[in-house]
Each structure stands twice: as structure tokens, then as C-alpha cells.
Amino acid sequence: MYILYLDESGTHAKSKHFVLAGLAVFERETYFLAKALDDLE
């Protein structure tokens, strides 16, 4: 199973652009991804 995160930006009336980004991570890799991101500090 994969964990999917989607985020969008640019939906207000004055925005000329719409951005949709996504990230899919295998469920057993979420710990290692979170640890790697925490270590960036």
C-alpha cells in the first residue's frame, strides 16, 4: 500500500496559475522519509 499526499495552490479568484503536487510513498518507507527530513535541520 502507498501513502499519497496531494497539495494544491492557486484556487483563489485573482490567481492566474494552478499548481497540483503529489507524493506517493510506500507505507514501510514513511519512517525513513520522516527521519531523513528531520535530519535536515
PDB file of N, CA and C in Angstrom:
ATOM      1  N   MET A   1       0.837  -1.160   0.000  1.00  0.00           N
ATOM      2  CA  MET A   1       0.000   0.000   0.000  1.00  0.00           C
ATOM      3  C   MET A   1       0.897   1.244   0.000  1.00  0.00           C
ATOM      4  N   TYR A   2       0.435   2.278  -0.662  1.00  0.00           N
ATOM      5  CA  TYR A   2       1.148   3.545  -0.734  1.00  0.00           C
ATOM      6  C   TYR A   2       0.373   4.626   0.008  1.00  0.00           C
ATOM      7  N   ILE A   3       1.118   5.554   0.590  1.00  0.00           N
ATOM      8  CA  ILE A   3       0.536   6.736   1.216  1.00  0.00           C
ATOM      9  C   ILE A   3       0.654   7.855   0.175  1.00  0.00           C
ATOM     10  N   LEU A   4      -0.450   8.520  -0.104  1.00  0.00           N
ATOM     11  CA  LEU A   4      -0.466   9.571  -1.120  1.00  0.00           C
ATOM     12  C   LEU A   4      -0.766  10.910  -0.465  1.00  0.00           C
ATOM     13  N   TYR A   5       0.063  11.911  -0.758  1.00  0.00           N
ATOM     14  CA  TYR A   5      -0.151  13.265  -0.276  1.00  0.00           C
ATOM     15  C   TYR A   5      -0.313  14.159  -1.497  1.00  0.00           C
ATOM     16  N   LEU A   6      -1.407  14.898  -1.552  1.00  0.00           N
ATOM     17  CA  LEU A   6      -1.649  15.856  -2.626  1.00  0.00           C
ATOM     18  C   LEU A   6      -1.818  17.235  -2.027  1.00  0.00           C
ATOM     19  N   ASP A   7      -1.294  18.246  -2.705  1.00  0.00           N
ATOM     20  CA  ASP A   7      -1.424  19.624  -2.249  1.00  0.00           C
ATOM     21  C   ASP A   7      -1.685  20.489  -3.473  1.00  0.00           C
ATOM     22  N   GLU A   8      -2.569  21.467  -3.311  1.00  0.00           N
ATOM     23  CA  GLU A   8      -2.877  22.361  -4.417  1.00  0.00           C
ATOM     24  C   GLU A   8      -2.687  23.803  -3.977  1.00  0.00           C
ATOM     25  N   SER A   9      -2.440  24.663  -4.940  1.00  0.00           N
ATOM     26  CA  SER A   9      -2.255  26.079  -4.673  1.00  0.00           C
ATOM     27  C   SER A   9      -2.800  26.860  -5.865  1.00  0.00           C
ATOM     28  N   GLY A  10      -3.331  28.038  -5.600  1.00  0.00           N
ATOM     29  CA  GLY A  10      -3.782  28.904  -6.684  1.00  0.00           C
ATOM     30  C   GLY A  10      -5.253  28.818  -6.992  1.00  0.00           C
ATOM     31  N   THR A  11      -6.082  28.571  -6.004  1.00  0.00           N
ATOM     32  CA  THR A  11      -7.508  28.440  -6.278  1.00  0.00           C
ATOM     33  C   THR A  11      -8.313  29.714  -5.988  1.00  0.00           C
ATOM     34  N   HIS A  12      -7.650  30.786  -5.568  1.00  0.00           N
ATOM     35  CA  HIS A  12      -8.420  32.000  -5.314  1.00  0.00           C
ATOM     36  C   HIS A  12      -8.674  32.763  -6.611  1.00  0.00           C
ATOM     37  N   ALA A  13      -9.591  33.680  -6.586  1.00  0.00           N
ATOM     38  CA  ALA A  13     -10.093  34.337  -7.802  1.00  0.00           C
ATOM     39  C   ALA A  13      -9.021  35.105  -8.575  1.00  0.00           C
ATOM     40  N   LYS A  14      -8.046  35.693  -7.896  1.00  0.00           N
ATOM     41  CA  LYS A  14      -7.033  36.517  -8.566  1.00  0.00           C
ATOM     42  C   LYS A  14      -5.833  35.723  -9.076  1.00  0.00           C
ATOM     43  N   SER A  15      -5.804  34.446  -8.823  1.00  0.00           N
ATOM     44  CA  SER A  15      -4.671  33.619  -9.228  1.00  0.00           C
ATOM     45  C   SER A  15      -4.743  33.282 -10.714  1.00  0.00           C
ATOM     46  N   LYS A  16      -3.607  33.429 -11.395  1.00  0.00           N
ATOM     47  CA  LYS A  16      -3.533  33.083 -12.818  1.00  0.00           C
ATOM     48  C   LYS A  16      -3.072  31.641 -13.021  1.00  0.00           C
ATOM     49  N   HIS A  17      -2.524  31.034 -11.970  1.00  0.00           N
ATOM     50  CA  HIS A  17      -1.938  29.704 -12.090  1.00  0.00           C
ATOM     51  C   HIS A  17      -2.545  28.758 -11.064  1.00  0.00           C
ATOM     52  N   PHE A  18      -2.550  27.497 -11.411  1.00  0.00           N
ATOM     53  CA  PHE A  18      -2.993  26.439 -10.506  1.00  0.00           C
ATOM     54  C   PHE A  18      -1.886  25.400 -10.455  1.00  0.00           C
ATOM     55  N   VAL A  19      -1.461  25.030  -9.253  1.00  0.00           N
ATOM     56  CA  VAL A  19      -0.388  24.053  -9.089  1.00  0.00           C
ATOM     57  C   VAL A  19      -0.919  22.886  -8.262  1.00  0.00           C
ATOM     58  N   LEU A  20      -0.713  21.689  -8.749  1.00  0.00           N
ATOM     59  CA  LEU A  20      -1.078  20.481  -8.031  1.00  0.00           C
ATOM     60  C   LEU A  20       0.175  19.616  -7.934  1.00  0.00           C
ATOM     61  N   ALA A  21       0.553  19.278  -6.707  1.00  0.00           N
ATOM     62  CA  ALA A  21       1.751  18.459  -6.491  1.00  0.00           C
ATOM     63  C   ALA A  21       1.362  17.243  -5.663  1.00  0.00           C
ATOM     64  N   GLY A  22       2.046  16.151  -5.895  1.00  0.00           N
ATOM     65  CA  GLY A  22       1.749  14.936  -5.152  1.00  0.00           C
ATOM     66  C   GLY A  22       2.998  14.137  -4.865  1.00  0.00           C
ATOM     67  N   LEU A  23       2.900  13.323  -3.822  1.00  0.00           N
ATOM     68  CA  LEU A  23       3.994  12.456  -3.433  1.00  0.00           C
ATOM     69  C   LEU A  23       3.394  11.131  -2.974  1.00  0.00           C
ATOM     70  N   ALA A  24       3.846  10.038  -3.546  1.00  0.00           N
ATOM     71  CA  ALA A  24       3.395   8.703  -3.138  1.00  0.00           C
ATOM     72  C   ALA A  24       4.595   7.966  -2.548  1.00  0.00           C
ATOM     73  N   VAL A  25       4.410   7.433  -1.338  1.00  0.00           N
ATOM     74  CA  VAL A  25       5.486   6.744  -0.627  1.00  0.00           C
ATOM     75  C   VAL A  25       4.971   5.385  -0.171  1.00  0.00           C
ATOM     76  N   PHE A  26       5.777   4.369  -0.393  1.00  0.00           N
ATOM     77  CA  PHE A  26       5.407   3.036   0.079  1.00  0.00           C
ATOM     78  C   PHE A  26       5.301   3.084   1.598  1.00  0.00           C
ATOM     79  N   GLU A  27       4.285   2.462   2.160  1.00  0.00           N
ATOM     80  CA  GLU A  27       3.956   2.629   3.579  1.00  0.00           C
ATOM     81  C   GLU A  27       5.099   2.286   4.525  1.00  0.00           C
ATOM     82  N   ARG A  28       5.954   1.340   4.193  1.00  0.00           N
ATOM     83  CA  ARG A  28       7.071   0.983   5.080  1.00  0.00           C
ATOM     84  C   ARG A  28       8.218   1.982   5.005  1.00  0.00           C
ATOM     85  N   GLU A  29       8.197   2.877   4.026  1.00  0.00           N
ATOM     86  CA  GLU A  29       9.268   3.856   3.864  1.00  0.00           C
ATOM     87  C   GLU A  29       8.972   5.187   4.559  1.00  0.00           C
ATOM     88  N   THR A  30       7.766   5.361   5.098  1.00  0.00           N
ATOM     89  CA  THR A  30       7.418   6.654   5.692  1.00  0.00           C
ATOM     90  C   THR A  30       8.303   6.993   6.886  1.00  0.00           C
ATOM     91  N   TYR A  31       8.675   6.000   7.689  1.00  0.00           N
ATOM     92  CA  TYR A  31       9.553   6.255   8.834  1.00  0.00           C
ATOM     93  C   TYR A  31      10.890   6.799   8.362  1.00  0.00           C
ATOM     94  N   PHE A  32      11.486   6.164   7.357  1.00  0.00           N
ATOM     95  CA  PHE A  32      12.807   6.568   6.878  1.00  0.00           C
ATOM     96  C   PHE A  32      12.746   7.935   6.200  1.00  0.00           C
ATOM     97  N   LEU A  33      11.669   8.217   5.492  1.00  0.00           N
ATOM     98  CA  LEU A  33      11.494   9.533   4.879  1.00  0.00           C
ATOM     99  C   LEU A  33      11.375  10.611   5.948  1.00  0.00           C
ATOM    100  N   ALA A  34      10.561  10.366   6.974  1.00  0.00           N
ATOM    101  CA  ALA A  34      10.398  11.339   8.058  1.00  0.00           C
ATOM    102  C   ALA A  34      11.717  11.560   8.789  1.00  0.00           C
ATOM    103  N   LYS A  35      12.462  10.496   9.026  1.00  0.00           N
ATOM    104  CA  LYS A  35      13.765  10.623   9.703  1.00  0.00           C
ATOM    105  C   LYS A  35      14.739  11.428   8.863  1.00  0.00           C
ATOM    106  N   ALA A  36      14.793  11.173   7.575  1.00  0.00           N
ATOM    107  CA  ALA A  36      15.688  11.923   6.687  1.00  0.00           C
ATOM    108  C   ALA A  36      15.323  13.399   6.654  1.00  0.00           C
ATOM    109  N   LEU A  37      14.036  13.705   6.636  1.00  0.00           N
ATOM    110  CA  LEU A  37      13.608  15.100   6.634  1.00  0.00           C
ATOM    111  C   LEU A  37      13.919  15.776   7.971  1.00  0.00           C
ATOM    112  N   ASP A  38      13.756  15.056   9.074  1.00  0.00           N
ATOM    113  CA  ASP A  38      14.101  15.601  10.389  1.00  0.00           C
ATOM    114  C   ASP A  38      15.596  15.871  10.506  1.00  0.00           C
ATOM    115  N   ASP A  39      16.411  15.047   9.877  1.00  0.00           N
ATOM    116  CA  ASP A  39      17.868  15.212   9.942  1.00  0.00           C
ATOM    117  C   ASP A  39      18.370  16.398   9.119  1.00  0.00           C
ATOM    118  N   LEU A  40      17.536  16.998   8.309  1.00  0.00           N
ATOM    119  CA  LEU A  40      17.952  18.156   7.504  1.00  0.00           C
ATOM    120  C   LEU A  40      18.185  19.420   8.339  1.00  0.00           C
ATOM    121  N   GLU A  41      17.660  19.445   9.534  1.00  0.00           N
ATOM    122  CA  GLU A  41      17.791  20.642  10.377  1.00  0.00           C
ATOM    123  C   GLU A  41      19.210  20.934  10.737  1.00  0.00           C
TER     124      GLU A  41
END
